Amino acid sequence: MYWLVLVLSGVLEAVWATALGRSEGFTRLTPTLVFGVALAGSMAGLALAMRSLPVGTAYAVWVGIGAALTAGYAMGTGQEPLSAVRVLLLLGIVGCVVGLKLTH
């Protein structure tokens, strides 16, 4: 259960990071609200997962999922350039996250 919560928290990290970028310095209401709700949910989930998982592992998985999804979404929507090297590097992050799960 803690791993599932951690993965969902990582997804919420990608949501709040994307919303933060779209809030234009907290001047747009809807992205700012999405940012706040997703941030609170993401942190709460990370805290819950850390009840059972080691801090280093939980944090690395959380930030890895969030970073990979945020960058992948930005490339998918054309906000950032898409290249084979960038995709390969993001897959490396995902591979490391999976490796941390398998070695836990």
PDB file of N, CA and C in Angstrom:
ATOM      1  N   MET A   1       0.814  -1.188   0.000  1.00  0.00           N
ATOM      2  CA  MET A   1       0.000   0.000   0.000  1.00  0.00           C
ATOM      3  C   MET A   1       0.861   1.257   0.000  1.00  0.00           C
ATOM      4  N   TYR A   2       1.959   1.257   0.757  1.00  0.00           N
ATOM      5  CA  TYR A   2       2.805   2.444   0.836  1.00  0.00           C
ATOM      6  C   TYR A   2       3.463   2.768  -0.504  1.00  0.00           C
ATOM      7  N   TRP A   3       3.807   1.728  -1.271  1.00  0.00           N
ATOM      8  CA  TRP A   3       4.384   1.969  -2.588  1.00  0.00           C
ATOM      9  C   TRP A   3       3.357   2.614  -3.518  1.00  0.00           C
ATOM     10  N   LEU A   4       2.127   2.156  -3.471  1.00  0.00           N
ATOM     11  CA  LEU A   4       1.081   2.750  -4.304  1.00  0.00           C
ATOM     12  C   LEU A   4       0.866   4.218  -3.939  1.00  0.00           C
ATOM     13  N   VAL A   5       0.818   4.504  -2.647  1.00  0.00           N
ATOM     14  CA  VAL A   5       0.677   5.893  -2.191  1.00  0.00           C
ATOM     15  C   VAL A   5       1.851   6.727  -2.684  1.00  0.00           C
ATOM     16  N   LEU A   6       3.044   6.165  -2.635  1.00  0.00           N
ATOM     17  CA  LEU A   6       4.232   6.885  -3.079  1.00  0.00           C
ATOM     18  C   LEU A   6       4.167   7.190  -4.576  1.00  0.00           C
ATOM     19  N   VAL A   7       3.755   6.229  -5.364  1.00  0.00           N
ATOM     20  CA  VAL A   7       3.635   6.448  -6.813  1.00  0.00           C
ATOM     21  C   VAL A   7       2.585   7.527  -7.105  1.00  0.00           C
ATOM     22  N   LEU A   8       1.446   7.459  -6.443  1.00  0.00           N
ATOM     23  CA  LEU A   8       0.414   8.481  -6.644  1.00  0.00           C
ATOM     24  C   LEU A   8       0.909   9.857  -6.200  1.00  0.00           C
ATOM     25  N   SER A   9       1.712   9.899  -5.158  1.00  0.00           N
ATOM     26  CA  SER A   9       2.293  11.162  -4.705  1.00  0.00           C
ATOM     27  C   SER A   9       3.256  11.715  -5.749  1.00  0.00           C
ATOM     28  N   GLY A  10       3.995  10.836  -6.394  1.00  0.00           N
ATOM     29  CA  GLY A  10       4.892  11.252  -7.469  1.00  0.00           C
ATOM     30  C   GLY A  10       4.130  11.823  -8.653  1.00  0.00           C
ATOM     31  N   VAL A  11       2.993  11.219  -8.960  1.00  0.00           N
ATOM     32  CA  VAL A  11       2.133  11.747 -10.030  1.00  0.00           C
ATOM     33  C   VAL A  11       1.630  13.135  -9.649  1.00  0.00           C
ATOM     34  N   LEU A  12       1.223  13.293  -8.406  1.00  0.00           N
ATOM     35  CA  LEU A  12       0.771  14.615  -7.947  1.00  0.00           C
ATOM     36  C   LEU A  12       1.903  15.638  -7.972  1.00  0.00           C
ATOM     37  N   GLU A  13       3.132  15.176  -7.778  1.00  0.00           N
ATOM     38  CA  GLU A  13       4.252  16.104  -7.889  1.00  0.00           C
ATOM     39  C   GLU A  13       4.332  16.669  -9.303  1.00  0.00           C
ATOM     40  N   ALA A  14       4.134  15.816 -10.291  1.00  0.00           N
ATOM     41  CA  ALA A  14       4.142  16.288 -11.680  1.00  0.00           C
ATOM     42  C   ALA A  14       2.995  17.267 -11.925  1.00  0.00           C
ATOM     43  N   VAL A  15       1.847  17.006 -11.304  1.00  0.00           N
ATOM     44  CA  VAL A  15       0.702  17.907 -11.458  1.00  0.00           C
ATOM     45  C   VAL A  15       1.025  19.273 -10.866  1.00  0.00           C
ATOM     46  N   TRP A  16       1.562  19.304  -9.638  1.00  0.00           N
ATOM     47  CA  TRP A  16       1.808  20.617  -9.036  1.00  0.00           C
ATOM     48  C   TRP A  16       2.939  21.352  -9.723  1.00  0.00           C
ATOM     49  N   ALA A  17       3.934  20.639 -10.213  1.00  0.00           N
ATOM     50  CA  ALA A  17       5.035  21.305 -10.924  1.00  0.00           C
ATOM     51  C   ALA A  17       4.534  21.938 -12.223  1.00  0.00           C
ATOM     52  N   THR A  18       3.704  21.213 -12.940  1.00  0.00           N
ATOM     53  CA  THR A  18       3.138  21.747 -14.179  1.00  0.00           C
ATOM     54  C   THR A  18       2.215  22.924 -13.885  1.00  0.00           C
ATOM     55  N   ALA A  19       1.380  22.786 -12.861  1.00  0.00           N
ATOM     56  CA  ALA A  19       0.470  23.881 -12.493  1.00  0.00           C
ATOM     57  C   ALA A  19       1.246  25.113 -12.038  1.00  0.00           C
ATOM     58  N   LEU A  20       2.354  24.906 -11.340  1.00  0.00           N
ATOM     59  CA  LEU A  20       3.176  26.027 -10.900  1.00  0.00           C
ATOM     60  C   LEU A  20       3.680  26.821 -12.102  1.00  0.00           C
ATOM     61  N   GLY A  21       4.134  26.120 -13.128  1.00  0.00           N
ATOM     62  CA  GLY A  21       4.590  26.795 -14.331  1.00  0.00           C
ATOM     63  C   GLY A  21       3.487  27.561 -15.036  1.00  0.00           C
ATOM     64  N   ARG A  22       2.298  27.005 -14.997  1.00  0.00           N
ATOM     65  CA  ARG A  22       1.163  27.649 -15.668  1.00  0.00           C
ATOM     66  C   ARG A  22       0.514  28.752 -14.845  1.00  0.00           C
ATOM     67  N   SER A  23       0.863  28.843 -13.569  1.00  0.00           N
ATOM     68  CA  SER A  23       0.248  29.859 -12.709  1.00  0.00           C
ATOM     69  C   SER A  23       0.788  31.259 -12.977  1.00  0.00           C
ATOM     70  N   GLU A  24       1.891  31.330 -13.724  1.00  0.00           N
ATOM     71  CA  GLU A  24       2.524  32.612 -14.056  1.00  0.00           C
ATOM     72  C   GLU A  24       2.763  33.449 -12.798  1.00  0.00           C
ATOM     73  N   GLY A  25       3.506  32.849 -11.879  1.00  0.00           N
ATOM     74  CA  GLY A  25       3.829  33.551 -10.634  1.00  0.00           C
ATOM     75  C   GLY A  25       2.633  33.740  -9.721  1.00  0.00           C
ATOM     76  N   PHE A  26       1.747  32.773  -9.696  1.00  0.00           N
ATOM     77  CA  PHE A  26       0.524  32.778  -8.877  1.00  0.00           C
ATOM     78  C   PHE A  26      -0.435  33.908  -9.276  1.00  0.00           C
ATOM     79  N   THR A  27      -0.398  34.319 -10.535  1.00  0.00           N
ATOM     80  CA  THR A  27      -1.313  35.362 -10.996  1.00  0.00           C
ATOM     81  C   THR A  27      -2.551  34.799 -11.679  1.00  0.00           C
ATOM     82  N   ARG A  28      -2.561  33.492 -11.968  1.00  0.00           N
ATOM     83  CA  ARG A  28      -3.732  32.859 -12.581  1.00  0.00           C
ATOM     84  C   ARG A  28      -4.370  31.940 -11.537  1.00  0.00           C
ATOM     85  N   LEU A  29      -5.656  32.138 -11.292  1.00  0.00           N
ATOM     86  CA  LEU A  29      -6.347  31.479 -10.180  1.00  0.00           C
ATOM     87  C   LEU A  29      -6.391  29.958 -10.316  1.00  0.00           C
ATOM     88  N   THR A  30      -6.880  29.442 -11.429  1.00  0.00           N
ATOM     89  CA  THR A  30      -7.078  27.994 -11.543  1.00  0.00           C
ATOM     90  C   THR A  30      -5.772  27.210 -11.408  1.00  0.00           C
ATOM     91  N   PRO A  31      -4.710  27.555 -12.149  1.00  0.00           N
ATOM     92  CA  PRO A  31      -3.464  26.808 -11.944  1.00  0.00           C
ATOM     93  C   PRO A  31      -2.903  26.961 -10.530  1.00  0.00           C
ATOM     94  N   THR A  32      -3.124  28.111  -9.916  1.00  0.00           N
ATOM     95  CA  THR A  32      -2.648  28.317  -8.545  1.00  0.00           C
ATOM     96  C   THR A  32      -3.387  27.405  -7.578  1.00  0.00           C
ATOM     97  N   LEU A  33      -4.688  27.263  -7.760  1.00  0.00           N
ATOM     98  CA  LEU A  33      -5.473  26.363  -6.904  1.00  0.00           C
ATOM     99  C   LEU A  33      -5.075  24.906  -7.126  1.00  0.00           C
ATOM    100  N   VAL A  34      -4.894  24.520  -8.391  1.00  0.00           N
ATOM    101  CA  VAL A  34      -4.455  23.153  -8.699  1.00  0.00           C
ATOM    102  C   VAL A  34      -3.091  22.893  -8.054  1.00  0.00           C
ATOM    103  N   PHE A  35      -2.199  23.872  -8.153  1.00  0.00           N
ATOM    104  CA  PHE A  35      -0.884  23.758  -7.522  1.00  0.00           C
ATOM    105  C   PHE A  35      -1.025  23.484  -6.031  1.00  0.00           C
ATOM    106  N   GLY A  36      -1.819  24.275  -5.337  1.00  0.00           N
ATOM    107  CA  GLY A  36      -1.942  24.138  -3.888  1.00  0.00           C
ATOM    108  C   GLY A  36      -2.518  22.801  -3.465  1.00  0.00           C
ATOM    109  N   VAL A  37      -3.565  22.366  -4.142  1.00  0.00           N
ATOM    110  CA  VAL A  37      -4.205  21.090  -3.800  1.00  0.00           C
ATOM    111  C   VAL A  37      -3.265  19.921  -4.106  1.00  0.00           C
ATOM    112  N   ALA A  38      -2.638  19.958  -5.287  1.00  0.00           N
ATOM    113  CA  ALA A  38      -1.738  18.866  -5.670  1.00  0.00           C
ATOM    114  C   ALA A  38      -0.500  18.828  -4.767  1.00  0.00           C
ATOM    115  N   LEU A  39       0.002  20.004  -4.399  1.00  0.00           N
ATOM    116  CA  LEU A  39       1.163  20.058  -3.505  1.00  0.00           C
ATOM    117  C   LEU A  39       0.834  19.437  -2.149  1.00  0.00           C
ATOM    118  N   ALA A  40      -0.299  19.812  -1.593  1.00  0.00           N
ATOM    119  CA  ALA A  40      -0.702  19.267  -0.290  1.00  0.00           C
ATOM    120  C   ALA A  40      -0.886  17.755  -0.370  1.00  0.00           C
ATOM    121  N   GLY A  41      -1.550  17.286  -1.407  1.00  0.00           N
ATOM    122  CA  GLY A  41      -1.757  15.846  -1.568  1.00  0.00           C
ATOM    123  C   GLY A  41      -0.455  15.095  -1.780  1.00  0.00           C
ATOM    124  N   SER A  42       0.437  15.677  -2.563  1.00  0.00           N
ATOM    125  CA  SER A  42       1.717  15.046  -2.839  1.00  0.00           C
ATOM    126  C   SER A  42       2.563  14.931  -1.575  1.00  0.00           C
ATOM    127  N   MET A  43       2.611  15.987  -0.814  1.00  0.00           N
ATOM    128  CA  MET A  43       3.406  15.968   0.426  1.00  0.00           C
ATOM    129  C   MET A  43       2.798  15.024   1.459  1.00  0.00           C
ATOM    130  N   ALA A  44       1.482  15.027   1.557  1.00  0.00           N
ATOM    131  CA  ALA A  44       0.817  14.131   2.504  1.00  0.00           C
ATOM    132  C   ALA A  44       1.084  12.673   2.139  1.00  0.00           C
ATOM    133  N   GLY A  45       1.018  12.364   0.852  1.00  0.00           N
ATOM    134  CA  GLY A  45       1.288  11.003   0.417  1.00  0.00           C
ATOM    135  C   GLY A  45       2.727  10.604   0.654  1.00  0.00           C
ATOM    136  N   LEU A  46       3.657  11.521   0.387  1.00  0.00           N
ATOM    137  CA  LEU A  46       5.067  11.237   0.648  1.00  0.00           C
ATOM    138  C   LEU A  46       5.293  10.978   2.137  1.00  0.00           C
ATOM    139  N   ALA A  47       4.689  11.800   2.970  1.00  0.00           N
ATOM    140  CA  ALA A  47       4.827  11.622   4.420  1.00  0.00           C
ATOM    141  C   ALA A  47       4.266  10.274   4.866  1.00  0.00           C
ATOM    142  N   LEU A  48       3.121   9.898   4.313  1.00  0.00           N
ATOM    143  CA  LEU A  48       2.511   8.611   4.659  1.00  0.00           C
ATOM    144  C   LEU A  48       3.408   7.458   4.219  1.00  0.00           C
ATOM    145  N   ALA A  49       3.941   7.541   3.009  1.00  0.00           N
ATOM    146  CA  ALA A  49       4.806   6.469   2.508  1.00  0.00           C
ATOM    147  C   ALA A  49       6.066   6.327   3.352  1.00  0.00           C
ATOM    148  N   MET A  50       6.543   7.449   3.888  1.00  0.00           N
ATOM    149  CA  MET A  50       7.762   7.405   4.705  1.00  0.00           C
ATOM    150  C   MET A  50       7.540   6.744   6.065  1.00  0.00           C
ATOM    151  N   ARG A  51       6.316   6.422   6.392  1.00  0.00           N
ATOM    152  CA  ARG A  51       6.066   5.656   7.615  1.00  0.00           C
ATOM    153  C   ARG A  51       6.630   4.246   7.497  1.00  0.00           C
ATOM    154  N   SER A  52       6.669   3.746   6.260  1.00  0.00           N
ATOM    155  CA  SER A  52       7.107   2.372   6.044  1.00  0.00           C
ATOM    156  C   SER A  52       8.387   2.278   5.219  1.00  0.00           C
ATOM    157  N   LEU A  53       8.617   3.234   4.342  1.00  0.00           N
ATOM    158  CA  LEU A  53       9.764   3.173   3.437  1.00  0.00           C
ATOM    159  C   LEU A  53      10.888   4.066   3.943  1.00  0.00           C
ATOM    160  N   PRO A  54      12.134   3.696   3.666  1.00  0.00           N
ATOM    161  CA  PRO A  54      13.254   4.551   4.068  1.00  0.00           C
ATOM    162  C   PRO A  54      13.166   5.923   3.380  1.00  0.00           C
ATOM    163  N   VAL A  55      13.596   6.951   4.076  1.00  0.00           N
ATOM    164  CA  VAL A  55      13.495   8.320   3.574  1.00  0.00           C
ATOM    165  C   VAL A  55      14.190   8.470   2.225  1.00  0.00           C
ATOM    166  N   GLY A  56      15.405   7.990   2.106  1.00  0.00           N
ATOM    167  CA  GLY A  56      16.157   8.140   0.867  1.00  0.00           C
ATOM    168  C   GLY A  56      15.482   7.474  -0.315  1.00  0.00           C
ATOM    169  N   THR A  57      15.006   6.258  -0.114  1.00  0.00           N
ATOM    170  CA  THR A  57      14.322   5.534  -1.182  1.00  0.00           C
ATOM    171  C   THR A  57      13.023   6.227  -1.550  1.00  0.00           C
ATOM    172  N   ALA A  58      12.224   6.579  -0.555  1.00  0.00           N
ATOM    173  CA  ALA A  58      10.933   7.219  -0.818  1.00  0.00           C
ATOM    174  C   ALA A  58      11.119   8.539  -1.559  1.00  0.00           C
ATOM    175  N   TYR A  59      12.071   9.351  -1.110  1.00  0.00           N
ATOM    176  CA  TYR A  59      12.284  10.645  -1.751  1.00  0.00           C
ATOM    177  C   TYR A  59      12.781  10.476  -3.178  1.00  0.00           C
ATOM    178  N   ALA A  60      13.721   9.559  -3.399  1.00  0.00           N
ATOM    179  CA  ALA A  60      14.258   9.345  -4.740  1.00  0.00           C
ATOM    180  C   ALA A  60      13.175   8.864  -5.703  1.00  0.00           C
ATOM    181  N   VAL A  61      12.324   7.967  -5.250  1.00  0.00           N
ATOM    182  CA  VAL A  61      11.237   7.472  -6.099  1.00  0.00           C
ATOM    183  C   VAL A  61      10.237   8.591  -6.375  1.00  0.00           C
ATOM    184  N   TRP A  62       9.877   9.338  -5.349  1.00  0.00           N
ATOM    185  CA  TRP A  62       8.907  10.436  -5.483  1.00  0.00           C
ATOM    186  C   TRP A  62       9.388  11.478  -6.478  1.00  0.00           C
ATOM    187  N   VAL A  63      10.609  11.936  -6.301  1.00  0.00           N
ATOM    188  CA  VAL A  63      11.125  12.981  -7.185  1.00  0.00           C
ATOM    189  C   VAL A  63      11.397  12.425  -8.581  1.00  0.00           C
ATOM    190  N   GLY A  64      11.807  11.180  -8.684  1.00  0.00           N
ATOM    191  CA  GLY A  64      12.056  10.574  -9.994  1.00  0.00           C
ATOM    192  C   GLY A  64      10.790  10.465 -10.813  1.00  0.00           C
ATOM    193  N   ILE A  65       9.718  10.000 -10.191  1.00  0.00           N
ATOM    194  CA  ILE A  65       8.433   9.910 -10.882  1.00  0.00           C
ATOM    195  C   ILE A  65       7.962  11.293 -11.293  1.00  0.00           C
ATOM    196  N   GLY A  66       8.026  12.234 -10.366  1.00  0.00           N
ATOM    197  CA  GLY A  66       7.581  13.594 -10.665  1.00  0.00           C
ATOM    198  C   GLY A  66       8.379  14.236 -11.786  1.00  0.00           C
ATOM    199  N   ALA A  67       9.696  14.081 -11.743  1.00  0.00           N
ATOM    200  CA  ALA A  67      10.552  14.685 -12.765  1.00  0.00           C
ATOM    201  C   ALA A  67      10.316  14.057 -14.132  1.00  0.00           C
ATOM    202  N   ALA A  68      10.246  12.742 -14.185  1.00  0.00           N
ATOM    203  CA  ALA A  68      10.051  12.065 -15.460  1.00  0.00           C
ATOM    204  C   ALA A  68       8.691  12.422 -16.072  1.00  0.00           C
ATOM    205  N   LEU A  69       7.648  12.431 -15.256  1.00  0.00           N
ATOM    206  CA  LEU A  69       6.322  12.767 -15.780  1.00  0.00           C
ATOM    207  C   LEU A  69       6.223  14.230 -16.196  1.00  0.00           C
ATOM    208  N   THR A  70       6.808  15.118 -15.410  1.00  0.00           N
ATOM    209  CA  THR A  70       6.762  16.543 -15.742  1.00  0.00           C
ATOM    210  C   THR A  70       7.487  16.806 -17.058  1.00  0.00           C
ATOM    211  N   ALA A  71       8.689  16.277 -17.192  1.00  0.00           N
ATOM    212  CA  ALA A  71       9.451  16.483 -18.425  1.00  0.00           C
ATOM    213  C   ALA A  71       8.784  15.786 -19.612  1.00  0.00           C
ATOM    214  N   GLY A  72       8.275  14.583 -19.390  1.00  0.00           N
ATOM    215  CA  GLY A  72       7.575  13.867 -20.462  1.00  0.00           C
ATOM    216  C   GLY A  72       6.343  14.606 -20.939  1.00  0.00           C
ATOM    217  N   TYR A  73       5.585  15.151 -20.001  1.00  0.00           N
ATOM    218  CA  TYR A  73       4.387  15.925 -20.358  1.00  0.00           C
ATOM    219  C   TYR A  73       4.781  17.178 -21.144  1.00  0.00           C
ATOM    220  N   ALA A  74       5.821  17.859 -20.697  1.00  0.00           N
ATOM    221  CA  ALA A  74       6.266  19.073 -21.391  1.00  0.00           C
ATOM    222  C   ALA A  74       6.727  18.756 -22.812  1.00  0.00           C
ATOM    223  N   MET A  75       7.403  17.641 -22.990  1.00  0.00           N
ATOM    224  CA  MET A  75       7.809  17.258 -24.341  1.00  0.00           C
ATOM    225  C   MET A  75       6.610  16.838 -25.182  1.00  0.00           C
ATOM    226  N   GLY A  76       5.676  16.133 -24.554  1.00  0.00           N
ATOM    227  CA  GLY A  76       4.487  15.676 -25.274  1.00  0.00           C
ATOM    228  C   GLY A  76       3.579  16.808 -25.726  1.00  0.00           C
ATOM    229  N   THR A  77       3.573  17.898 -24.986  1.00  0.00           N
ATOM    230  CA  THR A  77       2.728  19.040 -25.349  1.00  0.00           C
ATOM    231  C   THR A  77       3.478  20.083 -26.170  1.00  0.00           C
ATOM    232  N   GLY A  78       4.748  19.830 -26.447  1.00  0.00           N
ATOM    233  CA  GLY A  78       5.524  20.748 -27.264  1.00  0.00           C
ATOM    234  C   GLY A  78       6.114  21.925 -26.509  1.00  0.00           C
ATOM    235  N   GLN A  79       6.018  21.925 -25.191  1.00  0.00           N
ATOM    236  CA  GLN A  79       6.585  23.016 -24.401  1.00  0.00           C
ATOM    237  C   GLN A  79       8.098  22.900 -24.280  1.00  0.00           C
ATOM    238  N   GLU A  80       8.613  21.695 -24.447  1.00  0.00           N
ATOM    239  CA  GLU A  80      10.049  21.443 -24.428  1.00  0.00           C
ATOM    240  C   GLU A  80      10.383  20.594 -25.650  1.00  0.00           C
ATOM    241  N   PRO A  81      11.615  20.710 -26.147  1.00  0.00           N
ATOM    242  CA  PRO A  81      11.977  19.929 -27.338  1.00  0.00           C
ATOM    243  C   PRO A  81      12.002  18.429 -27.046  1.00  0.00           C
ATOM    244  N   LEU A  82      11.613  17.681 -28.036  1.00  0.00           N
ATOM    245  CA  LEU A  82      11.605  16.218 -27.954  1.00  0.00           C
ATOM    246  C   LEU A  82      12.790  15.696 -28.751  1.00  0.00           C
ATOM    247  N   SER A  83      13.577  14.848 -28.123  1.00  0.00           N
ATOM    248  CA  SER A  83      14.683  14.221 -28.837  1.00  0.00           C
ATOM    249  C   SER A  83      14.886  12.817 -28.286  1.00  0.00           C
ATOM    250  N   ALA A  84      15.548  12.006 -29.060  1.00  0.00           N
ATOM    251  CA  ALA A  84      15.798  10.628 -28.637  1.00  0.00           C
ATOM    252  C   ALA A  84      16.664  10.602 -27.376  1.00  0.00           C
ATOM    253  N   VAL A  85      17.626  11.489 -27.285  1.00  0.00           N
ATOM    254  CA  VAL A  85      18.506  11.518 -26.118  1.00  0.00           C
ATOM    255  C   VAL A  85      17.708  11.877 -24.868  1.00  0.00           C
ATOM    256  N   ARG A  86      16.823  12.870 -24.966  1.00  0.00           N
ATOM    257  CA  ARG A  86      16.011  13.266 -23.811  1.00  0.00           C
ATOM    258  C   ARG A  86      15.100  12.117 -23.364  1.00  0.00           C
ATOM    259  N   VAL A  87      14.483  11.437 -24.307  1.00  0.00           N
ATOM    260  CA  VAL A  87      13.619  10.298 -23.977  1.00  0.00           C
ATOM    261  C   VAL A  87      14.444   9.188 -23.326  1.00  0.00           C
ATOM    262  N   LEU A  88      15.613   8.916 -23.854  1.00  0.00           N
ATOM    263  CA  LEU A  88      16.482   7.889 -23.289  1.00  0.00           C
ATOM    264  C   LEU A  88      16.875   8.228 -21.849  1.00  0.00           C
ATOM    265  N   LEU A  89      17.206   9.493 -21.610  1.00  0.00           N
ATOM    266  CA  LEU A  89      17.578   9.904 -20.254  1.00  0.00           C
ATOM    267  C   LEU A  89      16.393   9.798 -19.289  1.00  0.00           C
ATOM    268  N   LEU A  90      15.198  10.157 -19.747  1.00  0.00           N
ATOM    269  CA  LEU A  90      14.012  10.003 -18.891  1.00  0.00           C
ATOM    270  C   LEU A  90      13.722   8.531 -18.609  1.00  0.00           C
ATOM    271  N   LEU A  91      13.925   7.685 -19.603  1.00  0.00           N
ATOM    272  CA  LEU A  91      13.759   6.250 -19.372  1.00  0.00           C
ATOM    273  C   LEU A  91      14.785   5.745 -18.357  1.00  0.00           C
ATOM    274  N   GLY A  92      15.964   6.348 -18.339  1.00  0.00           N
ATOM    275  CA  GLY A  92      16.961   6.006 -17.327  1.00  0.00           C
ATOM    276  C   GLY A  92      16.466   6.325 -15.924  1.00  0.00           C
ATOM    277  N   ILE A  93      15.795   7.472 -15.769  1.00  0.00           N
ATOM    278  CA  ILE A  93      15.211   7.824 -14.463  1.00  0.00           C
ATOM    279  C   ILE A  93      14.167   6.796 -14.066  1.00  0.00           C
ATOM    280  N   VAL A  94      13.304   6.447 -15.007  1.00  0.00           N
ATOM    281  CA  VAL A  94      12.259   5.453 -14.719  1.00  0.00           C
ATOM    282  C   VAL A  94      12.892   4.117 -14.350  1.00  0.00           C
ATOM    283  N   GLY A  95      13.937   3.724 -15.062  1.00  0.00           N
ATOM    284  CA  GLY A  95      14.631   2.480 -14.749  1.00  0.00           C
ATOM    285  C   GLY A  95      15.224   2.496 -13.349  1.00  0.00           C
ATOM    286  N   CYS A  96      15.772   3.619 -12.945  1.00  0.00           N
ATOM    287  CA  CYS A  96      16.326   3.740 -11.592  1.00  0.00           C
ATOM    288  C   CYS A  96      15.230   3.647 -10.535  1.00  0.00           C
ATOM    289  N   VAL A  97      14.082   4.237 -10.804  1.00  0.00           N
ATOM    290  CA  VAL A  97      12.956   4.145  -9.866  1.00  0.00           C
ATOM    291  C   VAL A  97      12.507   2.696  -9.718  1.00  0.00           C
ATOM    292  N   VAL A  98      12.376   2.016 -10.841  1.00  0.00           N
ATOM    293  CA  VAL A  98      11.987   0.595 -10.799  1.00  0.00           C
ATOM    294  C   VAL A  98      13.049  -0.203 -10.042  1.00  0.00           C
ATOM    295  N   GLY A  99      14.319   0.086 -10.289  1.00  0.00           N
ATOM    296  CA  GLY A  99      15.399  -0.599  -9.580  1.00  0.00           C
ATOM    297  C   GLY A  99      15.340  -0.402  -8.078  1.00  0.00           C
ATOM    298  N   LEU A 100      15.023   0.812  -7.649  1.00  0.00           N
ATOM    299  CA  LEU A 100      14.874   1.049  -6.209  1.00  0.00           C
ATOM    300  C   LEU A 100      13.732   0.221  -5.620  1.00  0.00           C
ATOM    301  N   LYS A 101      12.661   0.085  -6.356  1.00  0.00           N
ATOM    302  CA  LYS A 101      11.533  -0.735  -5.881  1.00  0.00           C
ATOM    303  C   LYS A 101      11.939  -2.199  -5.794  1.00  0.00           C
ATOM    304  N   LEU A 102      12.621  -2.669  -6.818  1.00  0.00           N
ATOM    305  CA  LEU A 102      12.984  -4.090  -6.851  1.00  0.00           C
ATOM    306  C   LEU A 102      14.021  -4.455  -5.804  1.00  0.00           C
ATOM    307  N   THR A 103      14.876  -3.515  -5.421  1.00  0.00           N
ATOM    308  CA  THR A 103      15.904  -3.830  -4.438  1.00  0.00           C
ATOM    309  C   THR A 103      15.482  -3.534  -3.007  1.00  0.00           C
ATOM    310  N   HIS A 104      14.276  -3.017  -2.829  1.00  0.00           N
ATOM    311  CA  HIS A 104      13.807  -2.675  -1.473  1.00  0.00           C
ATOM    312  C   HIS A 104      13.487  -3.942  -0.703  1.00  0.00           C
TER     313      HIS A 104
END
